C-alpha atoms as a PDB file:
ATOM      1  CA  MET A   1      70.730 -22.155 -23.853  1.00  0.00           C
ATOM      2  CA  PHE A   2      70.902 -18.405 -23.662  1.00  0.00           C
ATOM      3  CA  VAL A   3      73.758 -16.504 -25.187  1.00  0.00           C
ATOM      4  CA  GLU A   4      74.916 -13.359 -23.435  1.00  0.00           C
ATOM      5  CA  LEU A   5      74.640 -10.625 -26.063  1.00  0.00           C
ATOM      6  CA  PHE A   6      75.770  -7.640 -23.988  1.00  0.00           C
ATOM      7  CA  ASN A   7      78.805  -7.023 -21.960  1.00  0.00           C
ATOM      8  CA  GLN A   8      77.630  -5.638 -18.594  1.00  0.00           C
ATOM      9  CA  GLU A   9      80.917  -3.808 -18.243  1.00  0.00           C
ATOM     10  CA  ASP A  10      80.339  -1.625 -21.331  1.00  0.00           C
ATOM     11  CA  ARG A  11      79.045   1.931 -20.771  1.00  0.00           C
ATOM     12  CA  GLY A  12      77.600   4.358 -23.400  1.00  0.00           C
ATOM     13  CA  GLN A  13      79.329   7.716 -23.575  1.00  0.00           C
ATOM     14  CA  VAL A  14      78.133  11.002 -25.171  1.00  0.00           C
ATOM     15  CA  GLY A  15      80.642  12.329 -27.643  1.00  0.00           C
ATOM     16  CA  ILE A  16      81.931  15.904 -27.369  1.00  0.00           C
ATOM     17  CA  GLY A  17      80.491  16.668 -30.794  1.00  0.00           C
ATOM     18  CA  THR A  18      76.984  15.725 -29.713  1.00  0.00           C
ATOM     19  CA  LEU A  19      77.348  17.876 -26.587  1.00  0.00           C
ATOM     20  CA  ILE A  20      78.386  20.878 -28.667  1.00  0.00           C
ATOM     21  CA  VAL A  21      75.427  20.410 -30.978  1.00  0.00           C
ATOM     22  CA  PHE A  22      73.065  20.220 -27.996  1.00  0.00           C
ATOM     23  CA  ILE A  23      74.455  23.391 -26.430  1.00  0.00           C
ATOM     24  CA  ALA A  24      74.239  25.179 -29.782  1.00  0.00           C
ATOM     25  CA  MET A  25      70.591  24.181 -30.131  1.00  0.00           C
ATOM     26  CA  VAL A  26      69.835  25.526 -26.642  1.00  0.00           C
ATOM     27  CA  LEU A  27      71.560  28.829 -27.456  1.00  0.00           C
ATOM     28  CA  VAL A  28      69.720  29.187 -30.760  1.00  0.00           C
ATOM     29  CA  ALA A  29      66.409  28.507 -29.036  1.00  0.00           C
ATOM     30  CA  ALA A  30      67.196  31.096 -26.346  1.00  0.00           C
ATOM     31  CA  ILE A  31      68.138  33.729 -28.926  1.00  0.00           C
ATOM     32  CA  ALA A  32      65.014  33.002 -30.970  1.00  0.00           C
ATOM     33  CA  ALA A  33      62.864  33.296 -27.852  1.00  0.00           C
ATOM     34  CA  GLY A  34      64.492  36.635 -27.015  1.00  0.00           C
ATOM     35  CA  VAL A  35      63.860  37.959 -30.516  1.00  0.00           C
ATOM     36  CA  LEU A  36      60.218  36.863 -30.376  1.00  0.00           C
ATOM     37  CA  ILE A  37      59.710  38.520 -26.977  1.00  0.00           C
ATOM     38  CA  ASN A  38      61.315  41.778 -28.147  1.00  0.00           C
ATOM     39  CA  THR A  39      59.271  41.757 -31.358  1.00  0.00           C
ATOM     40  CA  ALA A  40      56.065  41.106 -29.449  1.00  0.00           C
ATOM     41  CA  GLY A  41      56.858  43.950 -27.062  1.00  0.00           C
ATOM     42  CA  PHE A  42      57.587  46.340 -29.929  1.00  0.00           C
ATOM     43  CA  LEU A  43      54.397  45.401 -31.750  1.00  0.00           C
ATOM     44  CA  GLN A  44      52.366  45.852 -28.588  1.00  0.00           C
ATOM     45  CA  THR A  45      53.856  49.306 -27.955  1.00  0.00           C
ATOM     46  CA  GLN A  46      53.280  50.325 -31.574  1.00  0.00           C
ATOM     47  CA  ALA A  47      49.705  49.039 -31.466  1.00  0.00           C
ATOM     48  CA  GLU A  48      48.994  50.990 -28.270  1.00  0.00           C
ATOM     49  CA  ALA A  49      50.441  54.186 -29.766  1.00  0.00           C
ATOM     50  CA  THR A  50      48.462  53.730 -32.977  1.00  0.00           C
ATOM     51  CA  GLY A  51      45.305  53.050 -31.015  1.00  0.00           C
ATOM     52  CA  GLN A  52      45.814  56.188 -28.910  1.00  0.00           C
ATOM     53  CA  GLU A  53      46.404  58.310 -31.999  1.00  0.00           C
ATOM     54  CA  SER A  54      43.277  56.916 -33.629  1.00  0.00           C
ATOM     55  CA  THR A  55      41.270  57.615 -30.479  1.00  0.00           C
ATOM     56  CA  ASP A  56      42.591  61.175 -30.307  1.00  0.00           C
ATOM     57  CA  GLN A  57      41.680  61.795 -33.942  1.00  0.00           C
ATOM     58  CA  VAL A  58      38.114  60.789 -33.179  1.00  0.00           C
ATOM     59  CA  SER A  59      37.613  62.235 -29.696  1.00  0.00           C
ATOM     60  CA  ASP A  60      39.906  65.299 -29.417  1.00  0.00           C
ATOM     61  CA  ARG A  61      37.766  67.305 -31.765  1.00  0.00           C
ATOM     62  CA  ILE A  62      36.722  70.948 -31.802  1.00  0.00           C
ATOM     63  CA  GLU A  63      32.992  71.623 -31.859  1.00  0.00           C
ATOM     64  CA  VAL A  64      31.623  74.744 -33.545  1.00  0.00           C
ATOM     65  CA  VAL A  65      28.907  76.388 -31.462  1.00  0.00           C
ATOM     66  CA  SER A  66      28.020  79.330 -33.703  1.00  0.00           C
ATOM     67  CA  SER A  67      29.354  81.538 -36.493  1.00  0.00           C
ATOM     68  CA  VAL A  68      28.479  85.190 -37.100  1.00  0.00           C
ATOM     69  CA  GLY A  69      29.734  88.068 -39.204  1.00  0.00           C
ATOM     70  CA  ILE A  70      30.003  91.754 -38.323  1.00  0.00           C
ATOM     71  CA  VAL A  71      28.728  94.044 -41.073  1.00  0.00           C
ATOM     72  CA  ALA A  72      31.207  96.591 -42.403  1.00  0.00           C
ATOM     73  CA  SER A  73      30.519 100.283 -43.020  1.00  0.00           C
ATOM     74  CA  THR A  74      29.683  99.550 -46.670  1.00  0.00           C
ATOM     75  CA  ASP A  75      26.632  97.556 -45.484  1.00  0.00           C
ATOM     76  CA  SER A  76      27.321  94.949 -48.187  1.00  0.00           C
ATOM     77  CA  GLU A  77      30.468  93.288 -46.805  1.00  0.00           C
ATOM     78  CA  LEU A  78      31.848  91.931 -43.537  1.00  0.00           C
ATOM     79  CA  ASP A  79      34.844  93.232 -41.662  1.00  0.00           C
ATOM     80  CA  GLU A  80      34.885  90.422 -39.076  1.00  0.00           C
ATOM     81  CA  ILE A  81      33.966  86.738 -38.878  1.00  0.00           C
ATOM     82  CA  ARG A  82      33.568  85.132 -35.470  1.00  0.00           C
ATOM     83  CA  VAL A  83      33.455  81.355 -35.018  1.00  0.00           C
ATOM     84  CA  SER A  84      32.595  80.270 -31.479  1.00  0.00           C
ATOM     85  CA  VAL A  85      34.122  76.912 -30.501  1.00  0.00           C
ATOM     86  CA  THR A  86      34.372  74.513 -27.613  1.00  0.00           C
ATOM     87  CA  LYS A  87      35.700  70.988 -27.287  1.00  0.00           C
ATOM     88  CA  ALA A  88      33.568  68.009 -28.221  1.00  0.00           C
ATOM     89  CA  ALA A  89      32.193  65.684 -25.556  1.00  0.00           C
ATOM     90  CA  GLY A  90      34.867  63.296 -24.327  1.00  0.00           C
ATOM     91  CA  ALA A  91      37.733  65.317 -25.793  1.00  0.00           C
ATOM     92  CA  GLY A  92      40.846  66.259 -23.873  1.00  0.00           C
ATOM     93  CA  ASP A  93      42.106  69.823 -23.576  1.00  0.00           C
ATOM     94  CA  ILE A  94      42.735  71.352 -27.008  1.00  0.00           C
ATOM     95  CA  ASP A  95      45.415  73.959 -27.743  1.00  0.00           C
ATOM     96  CA  LEU A  96      43.927  76.488 -30.148  1.00  0.00           C
ATOM     97  CA  ASP A  97      47.341  78.069 -30.717  1.00  0.00           C
ATOM     98  CA  ALA A  98      48.415  74.776 -32.360  1.00  0.00           C
ATOM     99  CA  THR A  99      45.167  74.553 -34.340  1.00  0.00           C
ATOM    100  CA  THR A 100      44.944  75.454 -38.026  1.00  0.00           C
ATOM    101  CA  ILE A 101      42.023  76.459 -40.232  1.00  0.00           C
ATOM    102  CA  GLN A 102      41.879  75.351 -43.861  1.00  0.00           C
ATOM    103  CA  VAL A 103      39.659  77.735 -45.797  1.00  0.00           C
ATOM    104  CA  VAL A 104      38.034  77.535 -49.192  1.00  0.00           C
ATOM    105  CA  GLY A 105      36.613  80.990 -49.778  1.00  0.00           C
ATOM    106  CA  PRO A 106      35.133  83.102 -52.579  1.00  0.00           C
ATOM    107  CA  SER A 107      38.573  83.796 -54.034  1.00  0.00           C
ATOM    108  CA  GLY A 108      40.617  80.677 -53.339  1.00  0.00           C
ATOM    109  CA  GLN A 109      42.101  78.477 -50.647  1.00  0.00           C
ATOM    110  CA  ALA A 110      44.311  79.313 -47.633  1.00  0.00           C
ATOM    111  CA  ASN A 111      45.610  77.878 -44.379  1.00  0.00           C
ATOM    112  CA  LEU A 112      45.159  80.099 -41.335  1.00  0.00           C
ATOM    113  CA  VAL A 113      47.337  79.984 -38.209  1.00  0.00           C
ATOM    114  CA  SER A 114      46.851  81.720 -34.884  1.00  0.00           C
ATOM    115  CA  ASN A 115      47.985  85.306 -34.241  1.00  0.00           C
ATOM    116  CA  LEU A 116      48.305  85.914 -30.508  1.00  0.00           C
ATOM    117  CA  SER A 117      49.571  89.475 -30.899  1.00  0.00           C
ATOM    118  CA  ALA A 118      46.373  90.881 -32.418  1.00  0.00           C
ATOM    119  CA  THR A 119      44.178  93.079 -30.232  1.00  0.00           C
ATOM    120  CA  ALA A 120      41.556  93.827 -32.895  1.00  0.00           C
ATOM    121  CA  ALA A 121      40.134  92.102 -35.959  1.00  0.00           C
ATOM    122  CA  SER A 122      41.756  94.692 -38.217  1.00  0.00           C
ATOM    123  CA  GLU A 123      45.193  93.490 -36.999  1.00  0.00           C
ATOM    124  CA  VAL A 124      44.588  89.930 -38.174  1.00  0.00           C
ATOM    125  CA  GLY A 125      46.306  89.130 -41.488  1.00  0.00           C
ATOM    126  CA  SER A 126      44.942  87.134 -44.416  1.00  0.00           C
ATOM    127  CA  GLY A 127      46.627  83.907 -43.284  1.00  0.00           C
ATOM    128  CA  GLU A 128      45.776  84.294 -39.615  1.00  0.00           C
ATOM    129  CA  PHE A 129      43.040  84.120 -37.018  1.00  0.00           C
ATOM    130  CA  ALA A 130      42.915  85.629 -33.548  1.00  0.00           C
ATOM    131  CA  ILE A 131      41.439  84.070 -30.406  1.00  0.00           C
ATOM    132  CA  LYS A 132      39.055  85.567 -27.868  1.00  0.00           C
ATOM    133  CA  ASN A 133      38.207  84.016 -24.506  1.00  0.00           C
ATOM    134  CA  ASP A 134      34.843  83.786 -22.725  1.00  0.00           C
ATOM    135  CA  SER A 135      35.085  87.356 -21.470  1.00  0.00           C
ATOM    136  CA  GLY A 136      35.646  88.710 -24.981  1.00  0.00           C
ATOM    137  CA  SER A 137      39.321  89.565 -24.457  1.00  0.00           C
ATOM    138  CA  TYR A 138      41.923  88.686 -27.078  1.00  0.00           C
ATOM    139  CA  VAL A 139      44.214  85.846 -25.986  1.00  0.00           C
ATOM    140  CA  SER A 140      47.892  86.831 -25.994  1.00  0.00           C
ATOM    141  CA  SER A 141      49.493  83.679 -24.597  1.00  0.00           C
ATOM    142  CA  SER A 142      49.481  80.085 -25.829  1.00  0.00           C
ATOM    143  CA  ALA A 143      48.893  78.963 -22.242  1.00  0.00           C
ATOM    144  CA  ASN A 144      45.598  80.849 -22.262  1.00  0.00           C
ATOM    145  CA  ALA A 145      44.455  79.423 -25.610  1.00  0.00           C
ATOM    146  CA  VAL A 146      43.718  75.924 -24.321  1.00  0.00           C
ATOM    147  CA  VAL A 147      40.086  74.819 -24.363  1.00  0.00           C
ATOM    148  CA  GLY A 148      39.222  73.047 -21.117  1.00  0.00           C
ATOM    149  CA  ASP A 149      35.986  71.666 -19.735  1.00  0.00           C
ATOM    150  CA  GLY A 150      33.083  74.081 -20.038  1.00  0.00           C
ATOM    151  CA  GLU A 151      35.171  76.740 -21.807  1.00  0.00           C
ATOM    152  CA  ARG A 152      34.261  78.533 -25.001  1.00  0.00           C
ATOM    153  CA  PHE A 153      36.544  80.550 -27.281  1.00  0.00           C
ATOM    154  CA  THR A 154      35.961  82.609 -30.391  1.00  0.00           C
ATOM    155  CA  LEU A 155      38.129  82.397 -33.500  1.00  0.00           C
ATOM    156  CA  VAL A 156      38.271  85.815 -35.145  1.00  0.00           C
ATOM    157  CA  ILE A 157      38.947  86.128 -38.893  1.00  0.00           C
ATOM    158  CA  ASN A 158      39.439  89.360 -40.816  1.00  0.00           C
ATOM    159  CA  PRO A 159      37.775  88.922 -44.254  1.00  0.00           C
ATOM    160  CA  ALA A 160      38.886  92.428 -45.224  1.00  0.00           C
ATOM    161  CA  ALA A 161      42.611  91.648 -44.851  1.00  0.00           C
ATOM    162  CA  THR A 162      44.773  92.143 -47.921  1.00  0.00           C
ATOM    163  CA  ASP A 163      44.768  89.038 -50.149  1.00  0.00           C
ATOM    164  CA  SER A 164      42.153  87.356 -47.959  1.00  0.00           C
ATOM    165  CA  VAL A 165      40.370  84.444 -49.667  1.00  0.00           C
ATOM    166  CA  PHE A 166      37.145  85.807 -48.189  1.00  0.00           C
ATOM    167  CA  SER A 167      37.356  89.005 -50.303  1.00  0.00           C
ATOM    168  CA  ASN A 168      35.394  90.923 -47.647  1.00  0.00           C
ATOM    169  CA  PHE A 169      32.805  88.111 -47.755  1.00  0.00           C
ATOM    170  CA  PRO A 170      30.090  90.024 -49.603  1.00  0.00           C
ATOM    171  CA  GLN A 171      26.375  89.270 -49.438  1.00  0.00           C
ATOM    172  CA  GLY A 172      25.388  85.815 -50.694  1.00  0.00           C
ATOM    173  CA  SER A 173      28.918  84.385 -50.304  1.00  0.00           C
ATOM    174  CA  GLU A 174      29.886  80.917 -49.118  1.00  0.00           C
ATOM    175  CA  ALA A 175      33.050  79.556 -47.525  1.00  0.00           C
ATOM    176  CA  THR A 176      34.096  76.244 -46.000  1.00  0.00           C
ATOM    177  CA  LEU A 177      36.283  76.017 -42.899  1.00  0.00           C
ATOM    178  CA  ASP A 178      38.102  72.849 -41.847  1.00  0.00           C
ATOM    179  CA  ILE A 179      39.278  73.409 -38.273  1.00  0.00           C
ATOM    180  CA  VAL A 180      42.139  70.991 -37.617  1.00  0.00           C
ATOM    181  CA  ALA A 181      42.997  70.294 -33.968  1.00  0.00           C
ATOM    182  CA  PRO A 182      46.563  69.360 -32.890  1.00  0.00           C
ATOM    183  CA  SER A 183      45.500  65.683 -32.912  1.00  0.00           C
ATOM    184  CA  SER A 184      44.545  66.109 -36.609  1.00  0.00           C
ATOM    185  CA  ALA A 185      40.857  65.716 -35.773  1.00  0.00           C
ATOM    186  CA  THR A 186      38.975  67.897 -38.259  1.00  0.00           C
ATOM    187  CA  THR A 187      35.721  69.796 -37.848  1.00  0.00           C
ATOM    188  CA  SER A 188      34.088  71.223 -40.971  1.00  0.00           C
ATOM    189  CA  VAL A 189      31.712  74.157 -41.044  1.00  0.00           C
ATOM    190  CA  THR A 190      30.146  75.981 -43.967  1.00  0.00           C
ATOM    191  CA  LEU A 191      29.613  79.739 -43.738  1.00  0.00           C
ATOM    192  CA  ASN A 192      26.709  81.125 -45.750  1.00  0.00           C
ATOM    193  CA  SER A 193      26.201  84.869 -45.715  1.00  0.00           C
ATOM    194  CA  PRO A 194      22.670  86.203 -46.160  1.00  0.00           C
ATOM    195  CA  ASP A 195      21.610  87.840 -49.416  1.00  0.00           C
ATOM    196  CA  LEU A 196      21.125  91.138 -47.656  1.00  0.00           C
ATOM    197  CA  TYR A 197      23.147  92.557 -44.781  1.00  0.00           C
ATOM    198  CA  GLY A 198      21.768  94.904 -42.183  1.00  0.00           C
ATOM    199  CA  SER A 199      23.242  98.077 -40.773  1.00  0.00           C
ATOM    200  CA  THR A 200      26.884  98.747 -39.931  1.00  0.00           C
ATOM    201  CA  ASP A 201      28.287  96.719 -36.974  1.00  0.00           C
ATOM    202  CA  GLU A 202      25.243  94.460 -36.972  1.00  0.00           C
ATOM    203  CA  ALA A 203      25.926  90.768 -36.339  1.00  0.00           C
ATOM    204  CA  VAL A 204      24.535  88.390 -38.948  1.00  0.00           C
ATOM    205  CA  ARG A 205      24.333  84.630 -38.623  1.00  0.00           C
ATOM    206  CA  LEU A 206      26.503  82.753 -41.125  1.00  0.00           C
END
């Protein structure tokens, strides 16, 4: 009653074309997986670097402790501005030699860079600032201009320098300093001179 529909001696065989297609699919999948892994690794590295830079811009910041001016012999101008700085809480060591100061003063705007050859305020040019350490000595080496834990430095500006935007910083003047650390973290401070200076060489709070 039953008709034999299949020949038990027949065997199915995979054609060479199908085998090639299968191998090609495996290779394509492997290449795609490799590309995805490499891309993921690159994105992770880039994200970590970006995150570190963002953290540095927030944490590696200079903190201004105080700012004073030294009255000149005219008794109505300053011949020295001293800005005492340290590093903010949680910040890493900060290289003051690689730090810049963006100034908006009574007579314009300027960018100040460090001068490690100055030994007195009068030797500091209009586009410069000098650095003093805790002991009051001028720093002459970039290795000694790094703010570590518990250290305090003083940035010295000469407002009487030729072409200085401070224009001797006379009584009642105002200036804004943006102190930019190597990480690009910026600290802003406004200097306000009193309406009346005291005697020569007197220190006045700004």
